[in-house]
């Protein structure tokens, strides 16, 4: 009898542990903070942004000019075509995007440096899938010195040739309006300054 007691103990412990394990797995699968659960709920808190990967495109391999035009959050008309001859920096962002919040001071720093140096560079934001009021309030709070296009329905980013899957994304367009560089995810001022200067230096 003694020889069988340990087996019964192990078997009993296993049977008792099974419901606990099942409950733990169920709790994990129902975690409201998981990306899967948030995707099902329709909110954007759990989206995955880029990792800051930098892509530079040689002039000979660039696509056609970006055909982007729209209205800023302040109601002014704007287009890439209207910036011919200048390097254009486009930053896709949203007030609900934490990485966008984090990179805002870096973009501000770069935009102010460009303005101070009188470089032929234009900065424009694209406030995508956002409430315009939230976008305006966020940009004002962050002290962003350049305007942003209103892209409530996400249609404007379709003009970016598949280069802006989710915010934040920063694109640098050459003077012909072609995409010359991209940062997928948060950008730093040092990285952006280098990309802009590289395009400005092109012959």
N, C-alpha and C. Protein backbone atom coordinates (compact mmCIF):
# COMPACT_ATOMS: atom_id res chain seq x y z
N UNK A 1 0.82 -1.20 0.00
CA UNK A 1 0.00 0.00 0.00
C UNK A 1 0.87 1.27 0.00
N UNK A 2 1.94 1.16 0.81
CA UNK A 2 2.79 2.33 0.87
C UNK A 2 3.40 2.68 -0.47
N UNK A 3 3.73 1.65 -1.21
CA UNK A 3 4.37 1.88 -2.52
C UNK A 3 3.46 2.58 -3.49
N UNK A 4 2.13 2.46 -3.27
CA UNK A 4 1.19 3.13 -4.20
C UNK A 4 0.81 4.53 -3.75
N UNK A 5 1.08 4.85 -2.48
CA UNK A 5 0.66 6.16 -1.96
C UNK A 5 1.25 7.32 -2.74
N UNK A 6 2.55 7.30 -3.05
CA UNK A 6 3.13 8.43 -3.80
C UNK A 6 2.46 8.63 -5.14
N UNK A 7 2.09 7.53 -5.80
CA UNK A 7 1.44 7.68 -7.11
C UNK A 7 0.10 8.39 -6.99
N UNK A 8 -0.66 7.99 -5.93
CA UNK A 8 -1.96 8.63 -5.74
C UNK A 8 -1.77 10.12 -5.44
N UNK A 9 -0.72 10.43 -4.69
CA UNK A 9 -0.45 11.83 -4.34
C UNK A 9 -0.12 12.65 -5.58
N UNK A 10 0.74 12.10 -6.44
CA UNK A 10 1.12 12.80 -7.67
C UNK A 10 -0.09 12.98 -8.57
N UNK A 11 -0.90 11.88 -8.69
CA UNK A 11 -2.06 11.96 -9.56
C UNK A 11 -3.06 12.98 -9.04
N UNK A 12 -3.26 13.00 -7.72
CA UNK A 12 -4.20 13.94 -7.11
C UNK A 12 -3.73 15.39 -7.33
N UNK A 13 -2.43 15.60 -7.13
CA UNK A 13 -1.89 16.94 -7.33
C UNK A 13 -2.07 17.41 -8.76
N UNK A 14 -1.87 16.49 -9.70
CA UNK A 14 -2.04 16.84 -11.12
C UNK A 14 -3.47 17.21 -11.43
N UNK A 15 -4.41 16.44 -10.85
CA UNK A 15 -5.83 16.72 -11.09
C UNK A 15 -6.23 18.06 -10.49
N UNK A 16 -5.67 18.37 -9.32
CA UNK A 16 -5.97 19.66 -8.71
C UNK A 16 -5.37 20.82 -9.47
N UNK A 17 -4.19 20.58 -10.05
CA UNK A 17 -3.50 21.66 -10.79
C UNK A 17 -4.15 21.95 -12.13
N UNK A 18 -4.80 20.94 -12.72
CA UNK A 18 -5.38 21.11 -14.06
C UNK A 18 -6.37 22.26 -14.13
N UNK A 19 -7.36 22.34 -13.19
CA UNK A 19 -8.30 23.47 -13.27
C UNK A 19 -7.61 24.81 -13.11
N UNK A 20 -6.58 24.86 -12.22
CA UNK A 20 -5.86 26.12 -12.03
C UNK A 20 -5.17 26.55 -13.30
N UNK A 21 -4.52 25.58 -13.99
CA UNK A 21 -3.85 25.88 -15.26
C UNK A 21 -4.84 26.35 -16.30
N UNK A 22 -6.00 25.68 -16.36
CA UNK A 22 -7.02 26.07 -17.34
C UNK A 22 -7.50 27.48 -17.08
N UNK A 23 -7.70 27.82 -15.78
CA UNK A 23 -8.15 29.16 -15.45
C UNK A 23 -7.09 30.19 -15.82
N UNK A 24 -5.81 29.85 -15.60
CA UNK A 24 -4.72 30.76 -15.94
C UNK A 24 -4.67 31.02 -17.44
N UNK A 25 -4.80 29.95 -18.23
CA UNK A 25 -4.78 30.11 -19.69
C UNK A 25 -5.96 30.94 -20.16
N UNK A 26 -7.13 30.70 -19.54
CA UNK A 26 -8.32 31.45 -19.92
C UNK A 26 -8.13 32.92 -19.60
N UNK A 27 -7.52 33.19 -18.43
CA UNK A 27 -7.30 34.59 -18.04
C UNK A 27 -6.37 35.28 -19.02
N UNK A 28 -5.32 34.56 -19.48
CA UNK A 28 -4.38 35.15 -20.43
C UNK A 28 -5.06 35.46 -21.75
N UNK A 29 -5.89 34.53 -22.21
CA UNK A 29 -6.54 34.71 -23.51
C UNK A 29 -7.57 35.83 -23.46
N UNK A 30 -8.06 36.14 -22.23
CA UNK A 30 -9.08 37.17 -22.11
C UNK A 30 -8.51 38.49 -21.59
N UNK A 31 -7.19 38.58 -21.52
CA UNK A 31 -6.54 39.79 -21.03
C UNK A 31 -6.94 40.98 -21.89
N UNK A 32 -7.66 41.95 -21.34
CA UNK A 32 -8.12 43.09 -22.14
C UNK A 32 -6.99 43.98 -22.63
N UNK A 33 -5.78 43.80 -22.05
CA UNK A 33 -4.65 44.62 -22.48
C UNK A 33 -3.83 43.97 -23.57
N UNK A 34 -4.17 42.73 -23.94
CA UNK A 34 -3.43 42.06 -25.00
C UNK A 34 -3.74 42.72 -26.34
N UNK A 35 -2.79 42.62 -27.26
CA UNK A 35 -2.99 43.23 -28.59
C UNK A 35 -4.18 42.61 -29.29
N UNK A 36 -4.34 41.27 -29.15
CA UNK A 36 -5.46 40.59 -29.80
C UNK A 36 -6.80 41.10 -29.28
N UNK A 37 -6.88 41.25 -27.93
CA UNK A 37 -8.14 41.71 -27.34
C UNK A 37 -8.46 43.13 -27.77
N UNK A 38 -7.44 43.98 -27.83
CA UNK A 38 -7.66 45.36 -28.22
C UNK A 38 -8.03 45.47 -29.70
N UNK A 39 -7.46 44.59 -30.51
CA UNK A 39 -7.81 44.59 -31.93
C UNK A 39 -9.29 44.24 -32.10
N UNK A 40 -9.75 43.26 -31.30
CA UNK A 40 -11.15 42.87 -31.38
C UNK A 40 -12.07 43.99 -30.89
N UNK A 41 -11.60 44.75 -29.90
CA UNK A 41 -12.43 45.81 -29.34
C UNK A 41 -12.52 47.02 -30.25
N UNK A 42 -11.59 47.11 -31.21
CA UNK A 42 -11.63 48.21 -32.17
C UNK A 42 -10.86 49.44 -31.77
N UNK A 43 -10.22 49.44 -30.57
CA UNK A 43 -9.43 50.62 -30.23
C UNK A 43 -8.02 50.47 -30.78
N UNK A 44 -7.20 51.52 -30.61
CA UNK A 44 -5.88 51.51 -31.23
C UNK A 44 -4.75 51.48 -30.20
N UNK A 45 -5.08 51.14 -28.95
CA UNK A 45 -4.06 51.21 -27.92
C UNK A 45 -2.97 50.16 -28.10
N UNK A 46 -3.30 49.03 -28.70
CA UNK A 46 -2.33 47.95 -28.80
C UNK A 46 -1.67 47.80 -30.15
N UNK A 47 -1.77 48.82 -31.03
CA UNK A 47 -1.18 48.68 -32.35
C UNK A 47 0.34 48.62 -32.23
N UNK A 48 0.96 48.07 -33.24
CA UNK A 48 2.42 47.94 -33.24
C UNK A 48 3.00 48.91 -34.27
N UNK A 49 3.88 49.79 -33.83
CA UNK A 49 4.49 50.75 -34.74
C UNK A 49 5.81 50.20 -35.26
N UNK A 50 6.45 50.95 -36.16
CA UNK A 50 7.73 50.54 -36.71
C UNK A 50 8.83 50.63 -35.67
N UNK A 51 9.98 50.07 -36.00
CA UNK A 51 11.10 50.01 -35.05
C UNK A 51 12.18 51.04 -35.30
N UNK A 52 11.87 52.04 -36.13
CA UNK A 52 12.85 53.09 -36.41
C UNK A 52 13.76 52.77 -37.57
N UNK A 53 13.42 51.74 -38.34
CA UNK A 53 14.24 51.35 -39.49
C UNK A 53 14.35 52.51 -40.48
N UNK A 54 15.56 52.76 -40.95
CA UNK A 54 15.81 53.84 -41.91
C UNK A 54 16.03 53.24 -43.30
N UNK A 55 15.33 53.79 -44.27
CA UNK A 55 15.47 53.36 -45.67
C UNK A 55 15.83 54.57 -46.52
N UNK A 56 16.91 54.46 -47.27
CA UNK A 56 17.29 55.50 -48.21
C UNK A 56 17.22 54.93 -49.62
N UNK A 57 16.60 55.67 -50.52
CA UNK A 57 16.37 55.20 -51.88
C UNK A 57 17.24 55.99 -52.86
N UNK A 58 18.12 55.32 -53.58
CA UNK A 58 18.95 56.01 -54.57
C UNK A 58 18.09 56.75 -55.59
N UNK A 59 18.56 57.86 -56.08
CA UNK A 59 17.78 58.69 -57.01
C UNK A 59 17.30 57.90 -58.22
N UNK A 60 18.14 57.00 -58.73
CA UNK A 60 17.78 56.24 -59.92
C UNK A 60 16.66 55.23 -59.68
N UNK A 61 16.40 54.91 -58.42
CA UNK A 61 15.39 53.90 -58.10
C UNK A 61 14.12 54.48 -57.46
N UNK A 62 14.03 55.79 -57.41
CA UNK A 62 12.86 56.41 -56.80
C UNK A 62 11.63 56.32 -57.69
N UNK A 63 10.50 56.24 -57.05
CA UNK A 63 9.22 56.15 -57.74
C UNK A 63 8.81 57.53 -58.26
N UNK A 64 7.65 57.59 -58.86
CA UNK A 64 7.13 58.86 -59.35
C UNK A 64 6.87 59.81 -58.18
N UNK A 65 6.72 61.11 -58.46
CA UNK A 65 6.45 62.07 -57.40
C UNK A 65 5.18 61.73 -56.63
N UNK A 66 5.18 62.05 -55.36
CA UNK A 66 4.01 61.82 -54.51
C UNK A 66 2.91 62.81 -54.86
N UNK A 67 1.75 62.28 -55.18
CA UNK A 67 0.61 63.14 -55.54
C UNK A 67 -0.26 63.36 -54.30
N UNK A 68 0.21 64.22 -53.43
CA UNK A 68 -0.47 64.47 -52.17
C UNK A 68 -0.94 65.91 -52.08
N UNK A 69 -2.21 66.08 -51.76
CA UNK A 69 -2.75 67.41 -51.54
C UNK A 69 -3.90 67.30 -50.55
N UNK A 70 -4.14 68.36 -49.82
CA UNK A 70 -5.23 68.32 -48.84
C UNK A 70 -5.37 69.65 -48.14
N UNK A 71 -6.10 69.59 -47.03
CA UNK A 71 -6.36 70.79 -46.23
C UNK A 71 -5.77 70.60 -44.84
N UNK A 72 -5.09 71.61 -44.35
CA UNK A 72 -4.47 71.51 -43.03
C UNK A 72 -5.54 71.59 -41.94
N UNK A 73 -5.12 71.29 -40.73
CA UNK A 73 -6.03 71.36 -39.58
C UNK A 73 -6.52 72.79 -39.35
N UNK A 74 -5.80 73.76 -39.92
CA UNK A 74 -6.21 75.17 -39.81
C UNK A 74 -7.00 75.64 -41.02
N UNK A 75 -7.28 74.72 -41.95
CA UNK A 75 -8.14 75.06 -43.09
C UNK A 75 -7.43 75.59 -44.32
N UNK A 76 -6.12 75.51 -44.39
CA UNK A 76 -5.38 75.99 -45.56
C UNK A 76 -5.13 74.86 -46.54
N UNK A 77 -5.13 75.18 -47.82
CA UNK A 77 -4.84 74.18 -48.86
C UNK A 77 -3.33 73.99 -48.98
N UNK A 78 -2.91 72.75 -49.27
CA UNK A 78 -1.48 72.46 -49.39
C UNK A 78 -1.29 71.27 -50.31
N UNK A 79 -0.17 71.25 -51.04
CA UNK A 79 0.14 70.12 -51.91
C UNK A 79 1.64 69.95 -52.04
N UNK A 80 2.06 68.72 -52.29
CA UNK A 80 3.48 68.46 -52.54
C UNK A 80 3.91 69.17 -53.82
N UNK A 81 3.05 69.16 -54.83
CA UNK A 81 3.38 69.80 -56.10
C UNK A 81 3.71 71.28 -55.93
N UNK A 82 3.08 71.90 -54.94
CA UNK A 82 3.31 73.32 -54.70
C UNK A 82 4.65 73.62 -54.03
N UNK A 83 5.39 72.56 -53.66
CA UNK A 83 6.68 72.74 -52.99
C UNK A 83 7.84 72.39 -53.92
N UNK A 84 7.59 72.37 -55.21
CA UNK A 84 8.62 72.00 -56.20
C UNK A 84 9.92 72.76 -55.97
N UNK A 85 11.02 72.02 -56.02
CA UNK A 85 12.33 72.62 -55.83
C UNK A 85 12.80 72.61 -54.39
N UNK A 86 11.95 72.17 -53.47
CA UNK A 86 12.31 72.10 -52.06
C UNK A 86 12.27 70.65 -51.57
N UNK A 87 13.04 70.37 -50.56
CA UNK A 87 12.96 69.07 -49.91
C UNK A 87 11.77 69.13 -48.95
N UNK A 88 10.96 68.08 -48.96
CA UNK A 88 9.76 68.05 -48.11
C UNK A 88 9.88 66.92 -47.10
N UNK A 89 9.62 67.26 -45.85
CA UNK A 89 9.59 66.25 -44.79
C UNK A 89 8.13 66.04 -44.40
N UNK A 90 7.64 64.82 -44.56
CA UNK A 90 6.28 64.47 -44.20
C UNK A 90 6.30 63.56 -42.98
N UNK A 91 5.57 63.94 -41.95
CA UNK A 91 5.49 63.10 -40.75
C UNK A 91 4.05 62.66 -40.53
N UNK A 92 3.83 61.36 -40.60
CA UNK A 92 2.48 60.80 -40.38
C UNK A 92 2.34 60.52 -38.89
N UNK A 93 1.30 61.08 -38.27
CA UNK A 93 1.15 60.97 -36.82
C UNK A 93 -0.32 60.99 -36.42
N UNK A 94 -0.57 60.76 -35.14
CA UNK A 94 -1.93 60.84 -34.60
C UNK A 94 -1.83 61.13 -33.11
N UNK A 95 -2.85 61.76 -32.56
CA UNK A 95 -2.84 62.09 -31.13
C UNK A 95 -2.96 60.85 -30.26
N UNK A 96 -3.48 59.74 -30.83
CA UNK A 96 -3.66 58.50 -30.07
C UNK A 96 -2.43 57.59 -30.15
N UNK A 97 -1.36 58.06 -30.76
CA UNK A 97 -0.17 57.24 -31.02
C UNK A 97 0.96 57.60 -30.04
N UNK A 98 1.23 56.75 -29.04
CA UNK A 98 2.29 57.04 -28.05
C UNK A 98 3.67 57.31 -28.66
N UNK A 99 4.13 56.53 -29.66
CA UNK A 99 5.44 56.83 -30.24
C UNK A 99 5.47 58.20 -30.93
N UNK A 100 4.32 58.63 -31.45
CA UNK A 100 4.24 59.95 -32.08
C UNK A 100 4.47 61.04 -31.04
N UNK A 101 3.90 60.83 -29.87
CA UNK A 101 4.08 61.78 -28.75
C UNK A 101 5.56 61.85 -28.37
N UNK A 102 6.20 60.70 -28.34
CA UNK A 102 7.59 60.63 -27.92
C UNK A 102 8.54 61.29 -28.91
N UNK A 103 8.23 61.19 -30.21
CA UNK A 103 9.14 61.74 -31.21
C UNK A 103 8.90 63.22 -31.51
N UNK A 104 7.78 63.76 -31.02
CA UNK A 104 7.42 65.15 -31.34
C UNK A 104 8.54 66.16 -31.03
N UNK A 105 9.20 66.08 -29.87
CA UNK A 105 10.27 67.04 -29.59
C UNK A 105 11.43 66.95 -30.59
N UNK A 106 11.68 65.76 -31.13
CA UNK A 106 12.75 65.57 -32.10
C UNK A 106 12.40 66.26 -33.43
N UNK A 107 11.15 66.11 -33.84
CA UNK A 107 10.68 66.75 -35.07
C UNK A 107 10.70 68.27 -34.92
N UNK A 108 10.27 68.73 -33.77
CA UNK A 108 10.29 70.17 -33.49
C UNK A 108 11.71 70.71 -33.58
N UNK A 109 12.64 70.01 -32.99
CA UNK A 109 14.04 70.43 -33.00
C UNK A 109 14.57 70.53 -34.43
N UNK A 110 14.29 69.52 -35.25
CA UNK A 110 14.76 69.52 -36.64
C UNK A 110 14.12 70.65 -37.45
N UNK A 111 12.81 70.83 -37.29
CA UNK A 111 12.10 71.86 -38.05
C UNK A 111 12.63 73.26 -37.69
N UNK A 112 12.88 73.48 -36.41
CA UNK A 112 13.39 74.79 -35.99
C UNK A 112 14.82 75.02 -36.48
N UNK A 113 15.62 73.96 -36.51
CA UNK A 113 17.00 74.08 -37.00
C UNK A 113 17.01 74.41 -38.49
N UNK A 114 16.14 73.77 -39.24
CA UNK A 114 16.04 74.02 -40.68
C UNK A 114 15.63 75.46 -40.95
N UNK A 115 14.65 75.93 -40.17
CA UNK A 115 14.18 77.31 -40.35
C UNK A 115 15.28 78.31 -40.00
N UNK A 116 16.01 78.04 -38.93
CA UNK A 116 17.07 78.95 -38.51
C UNK A 116 18.20 79.02 -39.54
N UNK A 117 18.44 77.90 -40.23
CA UNK A 117 19.51 77.84 -41.23
C UNK A 117 19.02 78.26 -42.62
N UNK A 118 17.74 78.59 -42.72
CA UNK A 118 17.13 79.00 -43.99
C UNK A 118 17.36 77.98 -45.11
N UNK A 119 17.27 76.72 -44.77
CA UNK A 119 17.43 75.67 -45.78
C UNK A 119 16.14 75.55 -46.59
N UNK A 120 16.23 75.17 -47.87
CA UNK A 120 15.04 75.00 -48.70
C UNK A 120 14.31 73.69 -48.37
N UNK A 121 13.77 73.64 -47.17
CA UNK A 121 13.10 72.44 -46.68
C UNK A 121 11.76 72.82 -46.07
N UNK A 122 10.74 72.03 -46.38
CA UNK A 122 9.39 72.26 -45.86
C UNK A 122 8.98 71.06 -45.02
N UNK A 123 8.46 71.33 -43.82
CA UNK A 123 7.92 70.28 -42.97
C UNK A 123 6.39 70.31 -43.03
N UNK A 124 5.78 69.12 -43.10
CA UNK A 124 4.32 69.02 -43.07
C UNK A 124 3.93 67.73 -42.36
N UNK A 125 3.01 67.84 -41.43
CA UNK A 125 2.50 66.66 -40.76
C UNK A 125 1.28 66.13 -41.48
N UNK A 126 0.96 64.87 -41.24
CA UNK A 126 -0.29 64.28 -41.73
C UNK A 126 -0.96 63.64 -40.52
N UNK A 127 -1.97 64.32 -40.00
CA UNK A 127 -2.68 63.85 -38.81
C UNK A 127 -3.74 62.84 -39.27
N UNK A 128 -3.40 61.56 -39.16
CA UNK A 128 -4.24 60.53 -39.79
C UNK A 128 -5.17 59.81 -38.82
N UNK A 129 -6.35 59.48 -39.31
CA UNK A 129 -7.37 58.74 -38.56
C UNK A 129 -7.53 59.31 -37.15
N UNK A 130 -7.74 60.60 -37.10
CA UNK A 130 -7.78 61.30 -35.82
C UNK A 130 -8.90 62.33 -35.84
N UNK A 131 -9.28 62.75 -34.66
CA UNK A 131 -10.24 63.84 -34.54
C UNK A 131 -9.47 65.15 -34.74
N UNK A 132 -9.89 66.01 -35.65
CA UNK A 132 -9.15 67.25 -35.92
C UNK A 132 -8.92 68.10 -34.67
N UNK A 133 -9.92 68.14 -33.80
CA UNK A 133 -9.77 68.93 -32.57
C UNK A 133 -8.66 68.36 -31.69
N UNK A 134 -8.61 67.03 -31.59
CA UNK A 134 -7.56 66.39 -30.80
C UNK A 134 -6.20 66.63 -31.44
N UNK A 135 -6.17 66.56 -32.78
CA UNK A 135 -4.92 66.79 -33.50
C UNK A 135 -4.40 68.21 -33.27
N UNK A 136 -5.28 69.19 -33.38
CA UNK A 136 -4.87 70.59 -33.20
C UNK A 136 -4.38 70.84 -31.77
N UNK A 137 -5.13 70.29 -30.81
CA UNK A 137 -4.76 70.49 -29.40
C UNK A 137 -3.42 69.85 -29.09
N UNK A 138 -3.20 68.66 -29.65
CA UNK A 138 -1.94 67.95 -29.40
C UNK A 138 -0.76 68.69 -30.01
N UNK A 139 -0.91 69.12 -31.26
CA UNK A 139 0.17 69.86 -31.93
C UNK A 139 0.49 71.16 -31.20
N UNK A 140 -0.53 71.81 -30.70
CA UNK A 140 -0.32 73.07 -29.96
C UNK A 140 0.41 72.80 -28.65
N UNK A 141 0.00 71.76 -27.95
CA UNK A 141 0.64 71.42 -26.68
C UNK A 141 2.12 71.04 -26.88
N UNK A 142 2.40 70.36 -27.99
CA UNK A 142 3.77 69.94 -28.28
C UNK A 142 4.63 71.06 -28.83
N UNK A 143 4.00 72.15 -29.23
CA UNK A 143 4.74 73.29 -29.78
C UNK A 143 5.28 73.02 -31.18
N UNK A 144 4.58 72.19 -31.94
CA UNK A 144 5.02 71.87 -33.31
C UNK A 144 4.95 73.13 -34.17
N UNK A 145 6.05 73.52 -34.80
CA UNK A 145 6.09 74.79 -35.54
C UNK A 145 5.59 74.73 -36.98
N UNK A 146 5.12 73.59 -37.43
CA UNK A 146 4.64 73.46 -38.80
C UNK A 146 3.22 72.89 -38.79
N UNK A 147 2.47 73.07 -39.88
CA UNK A 147 1.08 72.60 -39.93
C UNK A 147 0.98 71.11 -40.21
N UNK A 148 -0.25 70.61 -40.13
CA UNK A 148 -0.52 69.20 -40.45
C UNK A 148 -1.77 69.11 -41.30
N UNK A 149 -1.74 68.20 -42.25
CA UNK A 149 -2.92 67.94 -43.07
C UNK A 149 -3.93 67.12 -42.27
N UNK A 150 -5.19 67.40 -42.50
CA UNK A 150 -6.28 66.67 -41.84
C UNK A 150 -6.59 65.41 -42.65
N UNK A 151 -6.37 64.24 -42.06
CA UNK A 151 -6.59 62.96 -42.76
C UNK A 151 -7.47 62.05 -41.90
N UNK A 152 -8.65 62.53 -41.57
CA UNK A 152 -9.54 61.80 -40.67
C UNK A 152 -9.84 60.38 -41.14
N UNK A 153 -10.06 60.21 -42.44
CA UNK A 153 -10.46 58.90 -42.95
C UNK A 153 -9.29 58.05 -43.46
N UNK A 154 -8.07 58.55 -43.33
CA UNK A 154 -6.91 57.76 -43.75
C UNK A 154 -6.69 57.71 -45.24
N UNK A 155 -7.37 58.55 -46.00
CA UNK A 155 -7.25 58.52 -47.46
C UNK A 155 -5.95 59.16 -47.95
N UNK A 156 -5.47 60.17 -47.26
CA UNK A 156 -4.27 60.87 -47.73
C UNK A 156 -3.03 59.98 -47.71
N UNK A 157 -2.93 59.09 -46.72
CA UNK A 157 -1.73 58.26 -46.66
C UNK A 157 -1.68 57.24 -47.80
N UNK A 158 -2.80 57.07 -48.50
CA UNK A 158 -2.81 56.18 -49.66
C UNK A 158 -1.93 56.75 -50.78
N UNK A 159 -1.71 58.06 -50.73
CA UNK A 159 -0.88 58.71 -51.75
C UNK A 159 0.61 58.50 -51.48
N UNK A 160 0.94 57.89 -50.36
CA UNK A 160 2.35 57.75 -49.97
C UNK A 160 2.97 56.44 -50.45
N UNK A 161 2.36 55.86 -51.45
CA UNK A 161 2.94 54.73 -52.19
C UNK A 161 3.27 53.52 -51.29
N UNK A 162 2.41 53.30 -50.30
CA UNK A 162 2.59 52.13 -49.43
C UNK A 162 3.70 52.28 -48.42
N UNK A 163 4.25 53.47 -48.27
CA UNK A 163 5.39 53.68 -47.37
C UNK A 163 4.98 54.07 -45.95
N UNK A 164 3.69 54.20 -45.69
CA UNK A 164 3.25 54.63 -44.36
C UNK A 164 2.16 53.70 -43.83
N UNK A 165 2.53 52.47 -43.44
CA UNK A 165 1.53 51.50 -43.00
C UNK A 165 0.86 51.86 -41.68
N UNK A 166 1.59 52.46 -40.75
CA UNK A 166 1.03 52.86 -39.46
C UNK A 166 1.91 53.95 -38.86
N UNK A 167 1.32 54.92 -38.17
CA UNK A 167 2.14 55.98 -37.60
C UNK A 167 2.95 55.48 -36.40
N UNK A 168 4.06 56.14 -36.14
CA UNK A 168 4.62 57.27 -36.90
C UNK A 168 5.50 56.80 -38.04
N UNK A 169 5.48 57.58 -39.11
CA UNK A 169 6.36 57.38 -40.26
C UNK A 169 6.81 58.76 -40.72
N UNK A 170 8.09 58.89 -41.03
CA UNK A 170 8.60 60.15 -41.56
C UNK A 170 9.24 59.90 -42.93
N UNK A 171 8.80 60.67 -43.91
CA UNK A 171 9.31 60.56 -45.27
C UNK A 171 10.06 61.84 -45.64
N UNK A 172 11.14 61.68 -46.40
CA UNK A 172 11.86 62.83 -46.94
C UNK A 172 11.73 62.76 -48.45
N UNK A 173 11.13 63.79 -49.03
CA UNK A 173 10.94 63.85 -50.49
C UNK A 173 12.01 64.74 -51.10
N UNK A 174 12.50 64.33 -52.26
CA UNK A 174 13.50 65.16 -52.94
C UNK A 174 12.81 66.35 -53.62
N UNK A 175 13.56 67.28 -54.20
CA UNK A 175 12.96 68.47 -54.81
C UNK A 175 11.98 68.17 -55.95
N UNK A 176 11.99 66.95 -56.45
CA UNK A 176 11.03 66.55 -57.48
C UNK A 176 9.77 65.93 -56.88
N UNK A 177 9.74 65.81 -55.56
CA UNK A 177 8.56 65.25 -54.90
C UNK A 177 8.60 63.73 -54.76
N UNK A 178 9.76 63.12 -55.03
CA UNK A 178 9.87 61.67 -54.94
C UNK A 178 10.37 61.26 -53.54
N UNK A 179 9.93 60.10 -53.08
CA UNK A 179 10.36 59.62 -51.77
C UNK A 179 11.84 59.21 -51.84
N UNK A 180 12.66 59.90 -51.05
CA UNK A 180 14.10 59.65 -51.05
C UNK A 180 14.54 58.87 -49.81
N UNK A 181 13.76 59.00 -48.73
CA UNK A 181 14.12 58.31 -47.49
C UNK A 181 12.88 58.12 -46.63
N UNK A 182 12.95 57.12 -45.77
CA UNK A 182 11.84 56.84 -44.86
C UNK A 182 12.38 56.35 -43.52
N UNK A 183 11.73 56.80 -42.44
CA UNK A 183 11.98 56.25 -41.11
C UNK A 183 10.66 55.63 -40.67
N UNK A 184 10.66 54.34 -40.47
CA UNK A 184 9.46 53.60 -40.09
C UNK A 184 9.45 53.45 -38.57
N UNK A 185 8.71 54.30 -37.89
CA UNK A 185 8.71 54.34 -36.45
C UNK A 185 9.24 55.68 -35.97
N UNK A 186 9.59 55.76 -34.71
CA UNK A 186 10.09 57.02 -34.15
C UNK A 186 11.36 57.49 -34.85
N UNK A 187 11.44 58.80 -35.04
CA UNK A 187 12.62 59.39 -35.67
C UNK A 187 13.33 60.28 -34.65
N UNK A 188 14.64 60.38 -34.76
CA UNK A 188 15.40 61.31 -33.93
C UNK A 188 15.84 62.48 -34.80
N UNK A 189 16.11 63.60 -34.16
CA UNK A 189 16.51 64.78 -34.92
C UNK A 189 17.83 64.55 -35.65
N UNK A 190 18.75 63.83 -35.04
CA UNK A 190 20.04 63.58 -35.69
C UNK A 190 19.88 62.74 -36.95
N UNK A 191 19.02 61.73 -36.87
CA UNK A 191 18.76 60.89 -38.04
C UNK A 191 18.08 61.70 -39.14
N UNK A 192 17.07 62.44 -38.76
CA UNK A 192 16.32 63.23 -39.75
C UNK A 192 17.19 64.30 -40.38
N UNK A 193 17.98 64.98 -39.58
CA UNK A 193 18.88 66.02 -40.11
C UNK A 193 19.84 65.42 -41.14
N UNK A 194 20.35 64.23 -40.84
CA UNK A 194 21.27 63.58 -41.77
C UNK A 194 20.60 63.21 -43.07
N UNK A 195 19.38 62.69 -42.99
CA UNK A 195 18.65 62.31 -44.21
C UNK A 195 18.34 63.53 -45.07
N UNK A 196 17.92 64.61 -44.42
CA UNK A 196 17.60 65.84 -45.16
C UNK A 196 18.85 66.41 -45.83
N UNK A 197 19.93 66.44 -45.09
CA UNK A 197 21.18 66.98 -45.65
C UNK A 197 21.69 66.13 -46.82
N UNK A 198 21.49 64.82 -46.73
CA UNK A 198 21.90 63.95 -47.83
C UNK A 198 21.13 64.28 -49.11
N UNK A 199 19.85 64.54 -48.96
CA UNK A 199 19.02 64.88 -50.13
C UNK A 199 19.38 66.26 -50.65
N UNK A 200 19.62 67.19 -49.75
CA UNK A 200 20.01 68.54 -50.17
C UNK A 200 21.34 68.53 -50.92
N UNK A 201 22.20 67.59 -50.58
CA UNK A 201 23.53 67.53 -51.20
C UNK A 201 23.54 66.87 -52.57
N UNK A 202 22.42 66.29 -52.95
CA UNK A 202 22.36 65.61 -54.24
C UNK A 202 22.47 66.60 -55.40
N UNK A 203 23.12 66.17 -56.43
CA UNK A 203 23.27 67.04 -57.61
C UNK A 203 22.19 66.72 -58.64
